[in-house]
Amino acid sequence: MQFTFRNALAPIALPDGSTLEGGSTIVLMLAGANRDPRVFVDPDTFDIHRDNARRHLAFGFGVHHCLGAALARMEAEVAWRHLLQRFPDVAAWRTAGPARQNAGRMIHGLRSLPVVLA
């Protein structure tokens, strides 16, 4: 998910000195937060080995943490383990056609990415 909405229940003082009135709706750009150069060195580079890799907001935060996060992580672990067991030569993997983007604004990513796994 690229963004989420929140409603202010009461007036909130913002860092720039302005006030967000109670009842206002704000849009939080999670994708932008995950690329904050104040948090991540070289934020546009995918690097699972960075020291603070767990500071991403992919599954939300605090009371808004995704209920399905643990299941999603488990599914990814199982899928990658089986994929790499069956096709261990990652250097031989090749794209077999153009990537197709998702058209939605809420969920960003690929609709399809044809690959050949050798």
PDB file of N, CA and C in Angstrom:
ATOM      1  N   MET A   1       0.847  -1.161   0.000  1.00  0.00           N
ATOM      2  CA  MET A   1       0.000   0.000   0.000  1.00  0.00           C
ATOM      3  C   MET A   1       0.898   1.230   0.000  1.00  0.00           C
ATOM      4  N   GLN A   2       0.573   2.195  -0.801  1.00  0.00           N
ATOM      5  CA  GLN A   2       1.397   3.387  -0.943  1.00  0.00           C
ATOM      6  C   GLN A   2       1.003   4.518  -0.004  1.00  0.00           C
ATOM      7  N   PHE A   3      -0.265   4.564   0.387  1.00  0.00           N
ATOM      8  CA  PHE A   3      -0.694   5.636   1.276  1.00  0.00           C
ATOM      9  C   PHE A   3      -1.848   5.178   2.138  1.00  0.00           C
ATOM     10  N   THR A   4      -2.101   5.941   3.173  1.00  0.00           N
ATOM     11  CA  THR A   4      -3.201   5.646   4.069  1.00  0.00           C
ATOM     12  C   THR A   4      -3.819   6.963   4.523  1.00  0.00           C
ATOM     13  N   PHE A   5      -5.023   6.912   5.028  1.00  0.00           N
ATOM     14  CA  PHE A   5      -5.725   8.108   5.483  1.00  0.00           C
ATOM     15  C   PHE A   5      -5.843   8.087   6.997  1.00  0.00           C
ATOM     16  N   ARG A   6      -5.820   9.264   7.595  1.00  0.00           N
ATOM     17  CA  ARG A   6      -6.074   9.401   9.020  1.00  0.00           C
ATOM     18  C   ARG A   6      -6.943  10.638   9.226  1.00  0.00           C
ATOM     19  N   ASN A   7      -7.812  10.564  10.224  1.00  0.00           N
ATOM     20  CA  ASN A   7      -8.673  11.696  10.586  1.00  0.00           C
ATOM     21  C   ASN A   7      -8.214  12.258  11.916  1.00  0.00           C
ATOM     22  N   ALA A   8      -8.046  13.564  11.967  1.00  0.00           N
ATOM     23  CA  ALA A   8      -7.665  14.224  13.218  1.00  0.00           C
ATOM     24  C   ALA A   8      -8.897  14.311  14.104  1.00  0.00           C
ATOM     25  N   LEU A   9      -8.822  13.761  15.303  1.00  0.00           N
ATOM     26  CA  LEU A   9      -9.950  13.798  16.229  1.00  0.00           C
ATOM     27  C   LEU A   9     -10.021  15.119  16.983  1.00  0.00           C
ATOM     28  N   ALA A  10      -8.899  15.802  17.048  1.00  0.00           N
ATOM     29  CA  ALA A  10      -8.812  17.098  17.731  1.00  0.00           C
ATOM     30  C   ALA A  10      -7.778  17.934  16.973  1.00  0.00           C
ATOM     31  N   PRO A  11      -7.723  19.232  17.223  1.00  0.00           N
ATOM     32  CA  PRO A  11      -6.690  20.043  16.566  1.00  0.00           C
ATOM     33  C   PRO A  11      -5.291  19.520  16.901  1.00  0.00           C
ATOM     34  N   ILE A  12      -4.401  19.564  15.892  1.00  0.00           N
ATOM     35  CA  ILE A  12      -3.034  19.076  16.060  1.00  0.00           C
ATOM     36  C   ILE A  12      -2.080  20.170  15.592  1.00  0.00           C
ATOM     37  N   ALA A  13      -1.130  20.525  16.431  1.00  0.00           N
ATOM     38  CA  ALA A  13      -0.104  21.494  16.050  1.00  0.00           C
ATOM     39  C   ALA A  13       0.926  20.784  15.176  1.00  0.00           C
ATOM     40  N   LEU A  14       1.198  21.338  14.003  1.00  0.00           N
ATOM     41  CA  LEU A  14       2.165  20.750  13.078  1.00  0.00           C
ATOM     42  C   LEU A  14       3.531  21.397  13.261  1.00  0.00           C
ATOM     43  N   PRO A  15       4.602  20.698  12.851  1.00  0.00           N
ATOM     44  CA  PRO A  15       5.959  21.215  13.059  1.00  0.00           C
ATOM     45  C   PRO A  15       6.214  22.593  12.433  1.00  0.00           C
ATOM     46  N   ASP A  16       5.494  22.928  11.368  1.00  0.00           N
ATOM     47  CA  ASP A  16       5.720  24.229  10.717  1.00  0.00           C
ATOM     48  C   ASP A  16       4.983  25.373  11.417  1.00  0.00           C
ATOM     49  N   GLY A  17       4.282  25.069  12.526  1.00  0.00           N
ATOM     50  CA  GLY A  17       3.572  26.107  13.271  1.00  0.00           C
ATOM     51  C   GLY A  17       2.094  26.215  12.937  1.00  0.00           C
ATOM     52  N   SER A  18       1.658  25.567  11.864  1.00  0.00           N
ATOM     53  CA  SER A  18       0.242  25.599  11.508  1.00  0.00           C
ATOM     54  C   SER A  18      -0.521  24.558  12.328  1.00  0.00           C
ATOM     55  N   THR A  19      -1.830  24.608  12.254  1.00  0.00           N
ATOM     56  CA  THR A  19      -2.666  23.683  13.019  1.00  0.00           C
ATOM     57  C   THR A  19      -3.579  22.927  12.077  1.00  0.00           C
ATOM     58  N   LEU A  20      -3.652  21.632  12.280  1.00  0.00           N
ATOM     59  CA  LEU A  20      -4.591  20.791  11.554  1.00  0.00           C
ATOM     60  C   LEU A  20      -5.859  20.739  12.397  1.00  0.00           C
ATOM     61  N   GLU A  21      -6.957  21.177  11.843  1.00  0.00           N
ATOM     62  CA  GLU A  21      -8.209  21.251  12.598  1.00  0.00           C
ATOM     63  C   GLU A  21      -8.788  19.863  12.849  1.00  0.00           C
ATOM     64  N   GLY A  22      -9.464  19.710  13.973  1.00  0.00           N
ATOM     65  CA  GLY A  22     -10.143  18.460  14.275  1.00  0.00           C
ATOM     66  C   GLY A  22     -11.150  18.141  13.180  1.00  0.00           C
ATOM     67  N   GLY A  23     -11.257  16.876  12.813  1.00  0.00           N
ATOM     68  CA  GLY A  23     -12.154  16.466  11.742  1.00  0.00           C
ATOM     69  C   GLY A  23     -11.504  16.465  10.368  1.00  0.00           C
ATOM     70  N   SER A  24     -10.301  17.011  10.269  1.00  0.00           N
ATOM     71  CA  SER A  24      -9.589  17.032   8.985  1.00  0.00           C
ATOM     72  C   SER A  24      -9.073  15.646   8.640  1.00  0.00           C
ATOM     73  N   THR A  25      -9.028  15.364   7.363  1.00  0.00           N
ATOM     74  CA  THR A  25      -8.467  14.110   6.882  1.00  0.00           C
ATOM     75  C   THR A  25      -7.115  14.403   6.261  1.00  0.00           C
ATOM     76  N   ILE A  26      -6.135  13.575   6.598  1.00  0.00           N
ATOM     77  CA  ILE A  26      -4.813  13.725   5.991  1.00  0.00           C
ATOM     78  C   ILE A  26      -4.454  12.434   5.271  1.00  0.00           C
ATOM     79  N   VAL A  27      -3.597  12.564   4.289  1.00  0.00           N
ATOM     80  CA  VAL A  27      -3.098  11.418   3.543  1.00  0.00           C
ATOM     81  C   VAL A  27      -1.628  11.253   3.899  1.00  0.00           C
ATOM     82  N   LEU A  28      -1.266  10.073   4.353  1.00  0.00           N
ATOM     83  CA  LEU A  28       0.119   9.778   4.703  1.00  0.00           C
ATOM     84  C   LEU A  28       0.732   8.955   3.579  1.00  0.00           C
ATOM     85  N   MET A  29       1.810   9.451   3.002  1.00  0.00           N
ATOM     86  CA  MET A  29       2.474   8.778   1.896  1.00  0.00           C
ATOM     87  C   MET A  29       3.546   7.831   2.445  1.00  0.00           C
ATOM     88  N   LEU A  30       3.168   6.569   2.641  1.00  0.00           N
ATOM     89  CA  LEU A  30       4.083   5.585   3.197  1.00  0.00           C
ATOM     90  C   LEU A  30       5.274   5.333   2.270  1.00  0.00           C
ATOM     91  N   ALA A  31       5.019   5.349   0.977  1.00  0.00           N
ATOM     92  CA  ALA A  31       6.105   5.103   0.026  1.00  0.00           C
ATOM     93  C   ALA A  31       7.171   6.182   0.153  1.00  0.00           C
ATOM     94  N   GLY A  32       6.751   7.404   0.386  1.00  0.00           N
ATOM     95  CA  GLY A  32       7.703   8.492   0.583  1.00  0.00           C
ATOM     96  C   GLY A  32       8.485   8.305   1.874  1.00  0.00           C
ATOM     97  N   ALA A  33       7.818   7.858   2.926  1.00  0.00           N
ATOM     98  CA  ALA A  33       8.490   7.643   4.210  1.00  0.00           C
ATOM     99  C   ALA A  33       9.552   6.569   4.095  1.00  0.00           C
ATOM    100  N   ASN A  34       9.296   5.561   3.290  1.00  0.00           N
ATOM    101  CA  ASN A  34      10.277   4.492   3.121  1.00  0.00           C
ATOM    102  C   ASN A  34      11.477   4.932   2.295  1.00  0.00           C
ATOM    103  N   ARG A  35      11.417   6.125   1.742  1.00  0.00           N
ATOM    104  CA  ARG A  35      12.534   6.659   0.958  1.00  0.00           C
ATOM    105  C   ARG A  35      13.080   7.950   1.569  1.00  0.00           C
ATOM    106  N   ASP A  36      12.903   8.109   2.859  1.00  0.00           N
ATOM    107  CA  ASP A  36      13.353   9.309   3.546  1.00  0.00           C
ATOM    108  C   ASP A  36      14.874   9.266   3.709  1.00  0.00           C
ATOM    109  N   PRO A  37      15.605  10.186   3.064  1.00  0.00           N
ATOM    110  CA  PRO A  37      17.067  10.165   3.170  1.00  0.00           C
ATOM    111  C   PRO A  37      17.567  10.481   4.579  1.00  0.00           C
ATOM    112  N   ARG A  38      16.699  11.020   5.448  1.00  0.00           N
ATOM    113  CA  ARG A  38      17.095  11.246   6.846  1.00  0.00           C
ATOM    114  C   ARG A  38      17.074   9.941   7.628  1.00  0.00           C
ATOM    115  N   VAL A  39      16.406   8.909   7.082  1.00  0.00           N
ATOM    116  CA  VAL A  39      16.311   7.609   7.754  1.00  0.00           C
ATOM    117  C   VAL A  39      17.178   6.570   7.049  1.00  0.00           C
ATOM    118  N   PHE A  40      17.157   6.559   5.721  1.00  0.00           N
ATOM    119  CA  PHE A  40      17.856   5.538   4.942  1.00  0.00           C
ATOM    120  C   PHE A  40      18.927   6.155   4.056  1.00  0.00           C
ATOM    121  N   VAL A  41      20.160   5.667   4.191  1.00  0.00           N
ATOM    122  CA  VAL A  41      21.232   6.077   3.300  1.00  0.00           C
ATOM    123  C   VAL A  41      20.924   5.513   1.922  1.00  0.00           C
ATOM    124  N   ASP A  42      21.058   6.328   0.878  1.00  0.00           N
ATOM    125  CA  ASP A  42      20.761   5.907  -0.494  1.00  0.00           C
ATOM    126  C   ASP A  42      19.389   5.228  -0.542  1.00  0.00           C
ATOM    127  N   PRO A  43      18.312   5.969  -0.216  1.00  0.00           N
ATOM    128  CA  PRO A  43      16.988   5.380  -0.002  1.00  0.00           C
ATOM    129  C   PRO A  43      16.345   4.731  -1.223  1.00  0.00           C
ATOM    130  N   ASP A  44      16.775   5.054  -2.426  1.00  0.00           N
ATOM    131  CA  ASP A  44      16.166   4.456  -3.614  1.00  0.00           C
ATOM    132  C   ASP A  44      16.831   3.152  -4.021  1.00  0.00           C
ATOM    133  N   THR A  45      17.809   2.701  -3.253  1.00  0.00           N
ATOM    134  CA  THR A  45      18.482   1.436  -3.529  1.00  0.00           C
ATOM    135  C   THR A  45      17.893   0.354  -2.630  1.00  0.00           C
ATOM    136  N   PHE A  46      17.484  -0.762  -3.225  1.00  0.00           N
ATOM    137  CA  PHE A  46      16.964  -1.893  -2.459  1.00  0.00           C
ATOM    138  C   PHE A  46      18.141  -2.588  -1.782  1.00  0.00           C
ATOM    139  N   ASP A  47      18.155  -2.568  -0.451  1.00  0.00           N
ATOM    140  CA  ASP A  47      19.261  -3.157   0.295  1.00  0.00           C
ATOM    141  C   ASP A  47      18.722  -3.769   1.581  1.00  0.00           C
ATOM    142  N   ILE A  48      18.525  -5.085   1.590  1.00  0.00           N
ATOM    143  CA  ILE A  48      17.982  -5.747   2.774  1.00  0.00           C
ATOM    144  C   ILE A  48      19.020  -5.872   3.879  1.00  0.00           C
ATOM    145  N   HIS A  49      20.259  -5.532   3.590  1.00  0.00           N
ATOM    146  CA  HIS A  49      21.324  -5.659   4.580  1.00  0.00           C
ATOM    147  C   HIS A  49      21.647  -4.353   5.290  1.00  0.00           C
ATOM    148  N   ARG A  50      20.889  -3.295   4.997  1.00  0.00           N
ATOM    149  CA  ARG A  50      21.189  -2.038   5.692  1.00  0.00           C
ATOM    150  C   ARG A  50      20.894  -2.189   7.178  1.00  0.00           C
ATOM    151  N   ASP A  51      21.642  -1.473   7.988  1.00  0.00           N
ATOM    152  CA  ASP A  51      21.552  -1.603   9.446  1.00  0.00           C
ATOM    153  C   ASP A  51      20.144  -1.363   9.978  1.00  0.00           C
ATOM    154  N   ASN A  52      19.412  -0.461   9.357  1.00  0.00           N
ATOM    155  CA  ASN A  52      18.080  -0.108   9.855  1.00  0.00           C
ATOM    156  C   ASN A  52      16.967  -0.567   8.912  1.00  0.00           C
ATOM    157  N   ALA A  53      17.161  -1.690   8.248  1.00  0.00           N
ATOM    158  CA  ALA A  53      16.181  -2.183   7.271  1.00  0.00           C
ATOM    159  C   ALA A  53      14.798  -2.370   7.881  1.00  0.00           C
ATOM    160  N   ARG A  54      14.726  -2.673   9.158  1.00  0.00           N
ATOM    161  CA  ARG A  54      13.432  -2.908   9.806  1.00  0.00           C
ATOM    162  C   ARG A  54      12.669  -1.622  10.119  1.00  0.00           C
ATOM    163  N   ARG A  55      13.222  -0.469   9.801  1.00  0.00           N
ATOM    164  CA  ARG A  55      12.536   0.797  10.082  1.00  0.00           C
ATOM    165  C   ARG A  55      11.559   1.184   8.970  1.00  0.00           C
ATOM    166  N   HIS A  56      11.393   0.328   7.970  1.00  0.00           N
ATOM    167  CA  HIS A  56      10.451   0.622   6.889  1.00  0.00           C
ATOM    168  C   HIS A  56       9.019   0.589   7.418  1.00  0.00           C
ATOM    169  N   LEU A  57       8.096   1.140   6.661  1.00  0.00           N
ATOM    170  CA  LEU A  57       6.700   1.221   7.084  1.00  0.00           C
ATOM    171  C   LEU A  57       5.781   0.352   6.232  1.00  0.00           C
ATOM    172  N   ALA A  58       6.334  -0.676   5.599  1.00  0.00           N
ATOM    173  CA  ALA A  58       5.545  -1.496   4.685  1.00  0.00           C
ATOM    174  C   ALA A  58       4.308  -2.109   5.343  1.00  0.00           C
ATOM    175  N   PHE A  59       4.397  -2.445   6.620  1.00  0.00           N
ATOM    176  CA  PHE A  59       3.258  -3.057   7.303  1.00  0.00           C
ATOM    177  C   PHE A  59       2.634  -2.123   8.339  1.00  0.00           C
ATOM    178  N   GLY A  60       2.882  -0.837   8.184  1.00  0.00           N
ATOM    179  CA  GLY A  60       2.321   0.123   9.126  1.00  0.00           C
ATOM    180  C   GLY A  60       3.166   0.201  10.384  1.00  0.00           C
ATOM    181  N   PHE A  61       2.589   0.796  11.441  1.00  0.00           N
ATOM    182  CA  PHE A  61       3.355   1.016  12.660  1.00  0.00           C
ATOM    183  C   PHE A  61       2.410   1.128  13.846  1.00  0.00           C
ATOM    184  N   GLY A  62       2.847   0.652  14.986  1.00  0.00           N
ATOM    185  CA  GLY A  62       2.078   0.801  16.216  1.00  0.00           C
ATOM    186  C   GLY A  62       0.706   0.151  16.131  1.00  0.00           C
ATOM    187  N   VAL A  63      -0.324   0.884  16.584  1.00  0.00           N
ATOM    188  CA  VAL A  63      -1.678   0.329  16.568  1.00  0.00           C
ATOM    189  C   VAL A  63      -2.188   0.114  15.154  1.00  0.00           C
ATOM    190  N   HIS A  64      -1.519   0.714  14.183  1.00  0.00           N
ATOM    191  CA  HIS A  64      -1.929   0.564  12.782  1.00  0.00           C
ATOM    192  C   HIS A  64      -1.099  -0.496  12.053  1.00  0.00           C
ATOM    193  N   HIS A  65      -0.366  -1.316  12.802  1.00  0.00           N
ATOM    194  CA  HIS A  65       0.434  -2.380  12.191  1.00  0.00           C
ATOM    195  C   HIS A  65      -0.509  -3.395  11.550  1.00  0.00           C
ATOM    196  N   CYS A  66      -0.142  -3.863  10.383  1.00  0.00           N
ATOM    197  CA  CYS A  66      -0.958  -4.800   9.609  1.00  0.00           C
ATOM    198  C   CYS A  66      -1.148  -6.119  10.349  1.00  0.00           C
ATOM    199  N   LEU A  67      -2.399  -6.534  10.470  1.00  0.00           N
ATOM    200  CA  LEU A  67      -2.696  -7.805  11.135  1.00  0.00           C
ATOM    201  C   LEU A  67      -2.138  -8.997  10.359  1.00  0.00           C
ATOM    202  N   GLY A  68      -1.999  -8.846   9.049  1.00  0.00           N
ATOM    203  CA  GLY A  68      -1.524  -9.942   8.217  1.00  0.00           C
ATOM    204  C   GLY A  68      -0.029  -9.937   7.979  1.00  0.00           C
ATOM    205  N   ALA A  69       0.724  -9.069   8.657  1.00  0.00           N
ATOM    206  CA  ALA A  69       2.164  -8.952   8.411  1.00  0.00           C
ATOM    207  C   ALA A  69       2.899 -10.264   8.642  1.00  0.00           C
ATOM    208  N   ALA A  70       2.608 -10.943   9.734  1.00  0.00           N
ATOM    209  CA  ALA A  70       3.300 -12.199  10.030  1.00  0.00           C
ATOM    210  C   ALA A  70       2.998 -13.257   8.963  1.00  0.00           C
ATOM    211  N   LEU A  71       1.745 -13.318   8.530  1.00  0.00           N
ATOM    212  CA  LEU A  71       1.381 -14.271   7.475  1.00  0.00           C
ATOM    213  C   LEU A  71       2.081 -13.921   6.165  1.00  0.00           C
ATOM    214  N   ALA A  72       2.130 -12.646   5.819  1.00  0.00           N
ATOM    215  CA  ALA A  72       2.797 -12.224   4.580  1.00  0.00           C
ATOM    216  C   ALA A  72       4.281 -12.585   4.613  1.00  0.00           C
ATOM    217  N   ARG A  73       4.923 -12.365   5.747  1.00  0.00           N
ATOM    218  CA  ARG A  73       6.349 -12.717   5.874  1.00  0.00           C
ATOM    219  C   ARG A  73       6.556 -14.224   5.753  1.00  0.00           C
ATOM    220  N   MET A  74       5.663 -14.995   6.374  1.00  0.00           N
ATOM    221  CA  MET A  74       5.774 -16.448   6.302  1.00  0.00           C
ATOM    222  C   MET A  74       5.562 -16.928   4.866  1.00  0.00           C
ATOM    223  N   GLU A  75       4.562 -16.376   4.177  1.00  0.00           N
ATOM    224  CA  GLU A  75       4.309 -16.761   2.787  1.00  0.00           C
ATOM    225  C   GLU A  75       5.518 -16.437   1.917  1.00  0.00           C
ATOM    226  N   ALA A  76       6.108 -15.264   2.110  1.00  0.00           N
ATOM    227  CA  ALA A  76       7.279 -14.879   1.321  1.00  0.00           C
ATOM    228  C   ALA A  76       8.453 -15.814   1.595  1.00  0.00           C
ATOM    229  N   GLU A  77       8.661 -16.161   2.857  1.00  0.00           N
ATOM    230  CA  GLU A  77       9.754 -17.065   3.209  1.00  0.00           C
ATOM    231  C   GLU A  77       9.576 -18.428   2.548  1.00  0.00           C
ATOM    232  N   VAL A  78       8.376 -18.968   2.595  1.00  0.00           N
ATOM    233  CA  VAL A  78       8.101 -20.275   1.980  1.00  0.00           C
ATOM    234  C   VAL A  78       8.267 -20.199   0.461  1.00  0.00           C
ATOM    235  N   ALA A  79       7.709 -19.158  -0.139  1.00  0.00           N
ATOM    236  CA  ALA A  79       7.793 -19.018  -1.596  1.00  0.00           C
ATOM    237  C   ALA A  79       9.239 -18.893  -2.063  1.00  0.00           C
ATOM    238  N   TRP A  80      10.027 -18.026  -1.409  1.00  0.00           N
ATOM    239  CA  TRP A  80      11.428 -17.844  -1.811  1.00  0.00           C
ATOM    240  C   TRP A  80      12.247 -19.103  -1.558  1.00  0.00           C
ATOM    241  N   ARG A  81      12.007 -19.771  -0.448  1.00  0.00           N
ATOM    242  CA  ARG A  81      12.765 -20.989  -0.154  1.00  0.00           C
ATOM    243  C   ARG A  81      12.545 -22.031  -1.245  1.00  0.00           C
ATOM    244  N   HIS A  82      11.284 -22.265  -1.615  1.00  0.00           N
ATOM    245  CA  HIS A  82      10.984 -23.276  -2.639  1.00  0.00           C
ATOM    246  C   HIS A  82      11.473 -22.846  -4.016  1.00  0.00           C
ATOM    247  N   LEU A  83      11.334 -21.570  -4.321  1.00  0.00           N
ATOM    248  CA  LEU A  83      11.812 -21.071  -5.609  1.00  0.00           C
ATOM    249  C   LEU A  83      13.322 -21.258  -5.733  1.00  0.00           C
ATOM    250  N   LEU A  84      14.053 -20.902  -4.693  1.00  0.00           N
ATOM    251  CA  LEU A  84      15.510 -21.018  -4.731  1.00  0.00           C
ATOM    252  C   LEU A  84      15.989 -22.466  -4.671  1.00  0.00           C
ATOM    253  N   GLN A  85      15.231 -23.350  -4.032  1.00  0.00           N
ATOM    254  CA  GLN A  85      15.583 -24.766  -4.045  1.00  0.00           C
ATOM    255  C   GLN A  85      15.420 -25.343  -5.448  1.00  0.00           C
ATOM    256  N   ARG A  86      14.366 -24.919  -6.123  1.00  0.00           N
ATOM    257  CA  ARG A  86      14.092 -25.480  -7.447  1.00  0.00           C
ATOM    258  C   ARG A  86      14.937 -24.825  -8.544  1.00  0.00           C
ATOM    259  N   PHE A  87      15.199 -23.517  -8.394  1.00  0.00           N
ATOM    260  CA  PHE A  87      15.967 -22.767  -9.398  1.00  0.00           C
ATOM    261  C   PHE A  87      17.085 -21.991  -8.706  1.00  0.00           C
ATOM    262  N   PRO A  88      18.127 -22.661  -8.242  1.00  0.00           N
ATOM    263  CA  PRO A  88      19.156 -22.009  -7.428  1.00  0.00           C
ATOM    264  C   PRO A  88      20.086 -21.068  -8.179  1.00  0.00           C
ATOM    265  N   ASP A  89      20.181 -21.170  -9.495  1.00  0.00           N
ATOM    266  CA  ASP A  89      21.098 -20.325 -10.260  1.00  0.00           C
ATOM    267  C   ASP A  89      20.438 -18.982 -10.580  1.00  0.00           C
ATOM    268  N   VAL A  90      20.399 -18.119  -9.580  1.00  0.00           N
ATOM    269  CA  VAL A  90      19.721 -16.825  -9.724  1.00  0.00           C
ATOM    270  C   VAL A  90      20.327 -16.003 -10.858  1.00  0.00           C
ATOM    271  N   ALA A  91      21.621 -16.136 -11.099  1.00  0.00           N
ATOM    272  CA  ALA A  91      22.278 -15.378 -12.166  1.00  0.00           C
ATOM    273  C   ALA A  91      21.728 -15.743 -13.543  1.00  0.00           C
ATOM    274  N   ALA A  92      21.107 -16.908 -13.672  1.00  0.00           N
ATOM    275  CA  ALA A  92      20.560 -17.341 -14.952  1.00  0.00           C
ATOM    276  C   ALA A  92      19.118 -16.872 -15.170  1.00  0.00           C
ATOM    277  N   TRP A  93      18.485 -16.332 -14.156  1.00  0.00           N
ATOM    278  CA  TRP A  93      17.108 -15.863 -14.299  1.00  0.00           C
ATOM    279  C   TRP A  93      17.079 -14.679 -15.255  1.00  0.00           C
ATOM    280  N   ARG A  94      16.090 -14.662 -16.142  1.00  0.00           N
ATOM    281  CA  ARG A  94      15.973 -13.587 -17.142  1.00  0.00           C
ATOM    282  C   ARG A  94      14.518 -13.163 -17.289  1.00  0.00           C
ATOM    283  N   THR A  95      14.317 -11.891 -17.566  1.00  0.00           N
ATOM    284  CA  THR A  95      12.961 -11.443 -17.879  1.00  0.00           C
ATOM    285  C   THR A  95      12.597 -11.962 -19.263  1.00  0.00           C
ATOM    286  N   ALA A  96      11.313 -12.281 -19.456  1.00  0.00           N
ATOM    287  CA  ALA A  96      10.852 -12.854 -20.719  1.00  0.00           C
ATOM    288  C   ALA A  96       9.791 -11.969 -21.369  1.00  0.00           C
ATOM    289  N   GLY A  97       9.762 -10.729 -20.989  1.00  0.00           N
ATOM    290  CA  GLY A  97       8.783  -9.803 -21.533  1.00  0.00           C
ATOM    291  C   GLY A  97       8.712  -8.574 -20.645  1.00  0.00           C
ATOM    292  N   PRO A  98       7.925  -7.607 -21.057  1.00  0.00           N
ATOM    293  CA  PRO A  98       7.851  -6.366 -20.279  1.00  0.00           C
ATOM    294  C   PRO A  98       7.064  -6.546 -18.975  1.00  0.00           C
ATOM    295  N   ALA A  99       7.472  -5.790 -17.977  1.00  0.00           N
ATOM    296  CA  ALA A  99       6.738  -5.765 -16.710  1.00  0.00           C
ATOM    297  C   ALA A  99       5.459  -4.960 -16.920  1.00  0.00           C
ATOM    298  N   ARG A 100       4.371  -5.413 -16.290  1.00  0.00           N
ATOM    299  CA  ARG A 100       3.093  -4.687 -16.340  1.00  0.00           C
ATOM    300  C   ARG A 100       2.797  -4.142 -14.952  1.00  0.00           C
ATOM    301  N   GLN A 101       2.625  -2.827 -14.872  1.00  0.00           N
ATOM    302  CA  GLN A 101       2.354  -2.163 -13.598  1.00  0.00           C
ATOM    303  C   GLN A 101       0.891  -2.323 -13.204  1.00  0.00           C
ATOM    304  N   ASN A 102       0.637  -2.332 -11.899  1.00  0.00           N
ATOM    305  CA  ASN A 102      -0.728  -2.263 -11.389  1.00  0.00           C
ATOM    306  C   ASN A 102      -1.284  -0.882 -11.702  1.00  0.00           C
ATOM    307  N   ALA A 103      -2.529  -0.803 -12.061  1.00  0.00           N
ATOM    308  CA  ALA A 103      -3.127   0.481 -12.403  1.00  0.00           C
ATOM    309  C   ALA A 103      -3.611   1.235 -11.168  1.00  0.00           C
ATOM    310  N   GLY A 104      -3.776   0.558 -10.042  1.00  0.00           N
ATOM    311  CA  GLY A 104      -4.335   1.187  -8.844  1.00  0.00           C
ATOM    312  C   GLY A 104      -3.397   2.168  -8.180  1.00  0.00           C
ATOM    313  N   ARG A 105      -3.974   3.092  -7.435  1.00  0.00           N
ATOM    314  CA  ARG A 105      -3.172   4.060  -6.687  1.00  0.00           C
ATOM    315  C   ARG A 105      -2.906   3.606  -5.260  1.00  0.00           C
ATOM    316  N   MET A 106      -3.777   2.778  -4.694  1.00  0.00           N
ATOM    317  CA  MET A 106      -3.592   2.325  -3.313  1.00  0.00           C
ATOM    318  C   MET A 106      -2.497   1.276  -3.219  1.00  0.00           C
ATOM    319  N   ILE A 107      -2.554   0.291  -4.094  1.00  0.00           N
ATOM    320  CA  ILE A 107      -1.564  -0.780  -4.074  1.00  0.00           C
ATOM    321  C   ILE A 107      -0.708  -0.635  -5.317  1.00  0.00           C
ATOM    322  N   HIS A 108       0.553  -0.354  -5.092  1.00  0.00           N
ATOM    323  CA  HIS A 108       1.491  -0.080  -6.167  1.00  0.00           C
ATOM    324  C   HIS A 108       2.356  -1.322  -6.379  1.00  0.00           C
ATOM    325  N   GLY A 109       2.758  -1.541  -7.582  1.00  0.00           N
ATOM    326  CA  GLY A 109       3.636  -2.673  -7.843  1.00  0.00           C
ATOM    327  C   GLY A 109       3.356  -3.276  -9.199  1.00  0.00           C
ATOM    328  N   LEU A 110       3.833  -4.467  -9.390  1.00  0.00           N
ATOM    329  CA  LEU A 110       3.706  -5.135 -10.682  1.00  0.00           C
ATOM    330  C   LEU A 110       2.476  -6.024 -10.724  1.00  0.00           C
ATOM    331  N   ARG A 111       1.788  -5.978 -11.845  1.00  0.00           N
ATOM    332  CA  ARG A 111       0.697  -6.910 -12.113  1.00  0.00           C
ATOM    333  C   ARG A 111       1.299  -8.219 -12.610  1.00  0.00           C
ATOM    334  N   SER A 112       2.328  -8.099 -13.432  1.00  0.00           N
ATOM    335  CA  SER A 112       3.015  -9.298 -13.911  1.00  0.00           C
ATOM    336  C   SER A 112       4.446  -8.955 -14.323  1.00  0.00           C
ATOM    337  N   LEU A 113       5.300  -9.960 -14.225  1.00  0.00           N
ATOM    338  CA  LEU A 113       6.686  -9.851 -14.669  1.00  0.00           C
ATOM    339  C   LEU A 113       7.094 -11.227 -15.194  1.00  0.00           C
ATOM    340  N   PRO A 114       6.979 -11.412 -16.503  1.00  0.00           N
ATOM    341  CA  PRO A 114       7.340 -12.728 -17.078  1.00  0.00           C
ATOM    342  C   PRO A 114       8.854 -12.987 -16.925  1.00  0.00           C
ATOM    343  N   VAL A 115       9.174 -14.164 -16.420  1.00  0.00           N
ATOM    344  CA  VAL A 115      10.587 -14.531 -16.240  1.00  0.00           C
ATOM    345  C   VAL A 115      10.819 -15.962 -16.708  1.00  0.00           C
ATOM    346  N   VAL A 116      12.068 -16.226 -17.044  1.00  0.00           N
ATOM    347  CA  VAL A 116      12.524 -17.578 -17.355  1.00  0.00           C
ATOM    348  C   VAL A 116      13.495 -17.949 -16.246  1.00  0.00           C
ATOM    349  N   LEU A 117      13.205 -19.038 -15.562  1.00  0.00           N
ATOM    350  CA  LEU A 117      14.056 -19.504 -14.468  1.00  0.00           C
ATOM    351  C   LEU A 117      14.811 -20.732 -14.943  1.00  0.00           C
ATOM    352  N   ALA A 118      16.117 -20.620 -14.965  1.00  0.00           N
ATOM    353  CA  ALA A 118      16.927 -21.737 -15.461  1.00  0.00           C
ATOM    354  C   ALA A 118      17.495 -22.553 -14.327  1.00  0.00           C
TER     355      ALA A 118
END
